[in-house]
Protein backbone atom coordinates (compact mmCIF):
# COMPACT_ATOMS: atom_id res chain seq x y z
CA MET A 1 0.00 0.00 0.00
CA ILE A 2 2.64 2.52 1.02
CA PRO A 3 4.95 2.00 -2.01
CA THR A 4 2.11 2.45 -4.50
CA LEU A 5 0.80 5.58 -2.79
CA LEU A 6 4.33 7.01 -2.52
CA THR A 7 4.87 6.31 -6.22
CA ALA A 8 1.62 8.03 -7.15
CA THR A 9 2.41 11.02 -4.93
CA SER A 10 6.00 11.44 -6.09
CA VAL A 11 5.11 11.11 -9.79
CA PHE A 12 2.28 13.62 -9.32
CA ILE A 13 4.61 16.14 -7.70
CA ILE A 14 7.35 15.65 -10.31
CA ALA A 15 4.83 15.87 -13.15
CA PHE A 16 3.22 18.99 -11.72
CA ILE A 17 6.61 20.66 -11.54
CA ALA A 18 8.40 19.44 -14.67
CA THR A 19 6.17 17.67 -17.22
CA PRO A 20 6.96 18.82 -20.78
CA PRO A 21 4.26 20.35 -23.03
CA ILE A 22 1.93 18.01 -24.92
CA ASP A 23 -0.05 18.07 -28.16
CA ILE A 24 -3.70 18.13 -27.08
CA ASN A 25 -5.62 18.40 -30.33
CA GLY A 26 -3.24 16.62 -32.71
CA ILE A 27 -2.07 19.65 -34.72
CA ARG A 28 1.37 19.84 -33.10
CA GLU A 29 0.47 22.91 -31.05
CA LEU A 30 2.05 22.20 -27.69
CA VAL A 31 0.27 23.13 -24.48
CA SER A 32 2.39 23.53 -21.37
CA ARG A 33 0.93 22.62 -18.01
CA SER A 34 3.73 22.44 -15.46
CA LEU A 35 5.33 25.00 -13.18
CA LEU A 36 8.63 25.05 -15.08
CA TYR A 37 6.85 26.13 -18.26
CA GLY A 38 5.34 29.28 -16.79
CA ASN A 39 2.16 28.07 -15.11
CA ASN A 40 1.29 28.85 -11.53
CA ILE A 41 -0.30 26.50 -8.99
CA ILE A 42 -3.81 27.42 -10.17
CA SER A 43 -3.24 26.97 -13.92
CA GLY A 44 -0.88 24.00 -13.69
CA ALA A 45 -2.33 20.61 -14.57
CA ILE A 46 -1.12 17.14 -15.37
CA ILE A 47 -4.42 15.59 -16.44
CA LEU A 48 -4.20 16.96 -19.96
CA THR A 49 -3.45 14.20 -22.46
CA SER A 50 -3.10 13.97 -26.19
CA ALA A 51 -6.23 13.67 -28.31
CA ALA A 52 -4.46 10.98 -30.30
CA ILE A 53 -3.92 8.86 -27.20
CA GLY A 54 -6.82 9.87 -24.99
CA LEU A 55 -7.30 8.69 -21.45
CA HIS A 56 -6.96 4.99 -22.14
CA PHE A 57 -4.11 2.86 -20.83
CA TYR A 58 -0.85 3.85 -22.56
CA PRO A 59 1.94 1.92 -20.82
CA ILE A 60 5.48 3.19 -20.91
CA TRP A 61 6.74 -0.03 -22.54
CA GLU A 62 4.50 0.62 -25.59
CA ALA A 63 6.28 3.89 -26.34
CA VAL A 64 9.50 4.04 -28.33
CA SER A 65 11.05 6.40 -25.80
CA VAL A 66 10.20 8.13 -22.55
CA ASP A 67 9.92 11.39 -24.49
CA GLU A 68 7.17 9.89 -26.67
CA TRP A 69 5.37 8.59 -23.58
CA LEU A 70 5.51 12.02 -21.95
CA TYR A 71 4.48 13.71 -25.22
CA ASN A 72 1.49 11.47 -25.93
CA GLY A 73 0.29 9.76 -22.79
CA ASP A 74 2.10 11.53 -19.97
CA PRO A 75 2.21 10.15 -16.41
CA TYR A 76 -1.52 10.53 -15.78
CA GLU A 77 -2.16 6.79 -16.16
CA LEU A 78 0.76 5.92 -13.88
CA ILE A 79 -0.57 8.21 -11.15
CA VAL A 80 -4.16 6.99 -11.38
CA LEU A 81 -3.35 3.28 -11.53
CA HIS A 82 -0.91 3.44 -8.61
CA PHE A 83 -3.38 5.45 -6.57
CA LEU A 84 -6.19 2.96 -7.25
CA LEU A 85 -3.90 0.07 -6.38
CA GLY A 86 -2.95 1.79 -3.11
CA VAL A 87 -6.62 2.38 -2.25
CA ALA A 88 -7.42 -1.28 -2.98
CA CYS A 89 -4.56 -2.38 -0.72
CA TYR A 90 -5.81 -0.10 2.03
CA MET A 91 -9.34 -1.48 1.72
CA GLY A 92 -7.99 -5.03 1.91
CA ARG A 93 -6.01 -4.13 4.98
CA GLU A 94 -9.07 -2.68 6.67
CA TRP A 95 -11.12 -5.77 5.77
CA GLU A 96 -8.49 -8.09 7.20
CA LEU A 97 -8.35 -6.07 10.42
CA SER A 98 -12.12 -6.19 10.83
CA PHE A 99 -12.11 -9.93 10.07
CA ARG A 100 -9.48 -10.58 12.73
CA LEU A 101 -11.41 -8.50 15.26
CA GLY A 102 -14.52 -10.56 14.59
CA MET A 103 -16.62 -7.76 13.12
CA ARG A 104 -19.01 -9.60 10.83
CA PRO A 105 -21.66 -7.82 8.76
């Protein structure tokens, strides 16, 4: 649970600070969304993804390089999947604790 949540948190922070610009609508017009590219905390975002890739699963091993992965899919999927895995681990931990304490529904 803790490693997945730490991974999600650290990738979110790194992406919010230093993610490169991406092509949102497929016409090679890059949109920056991180703090290093002139955004502030209000206008910074990491959820923006390419229209060509969308919000479906785009694993890093499918990309030719890390630059392509950042350009097309960016770390959004990595953050979301690790966060969901951490939440599932936490829920399993809570269930096991309640089972051992004898709390039956």
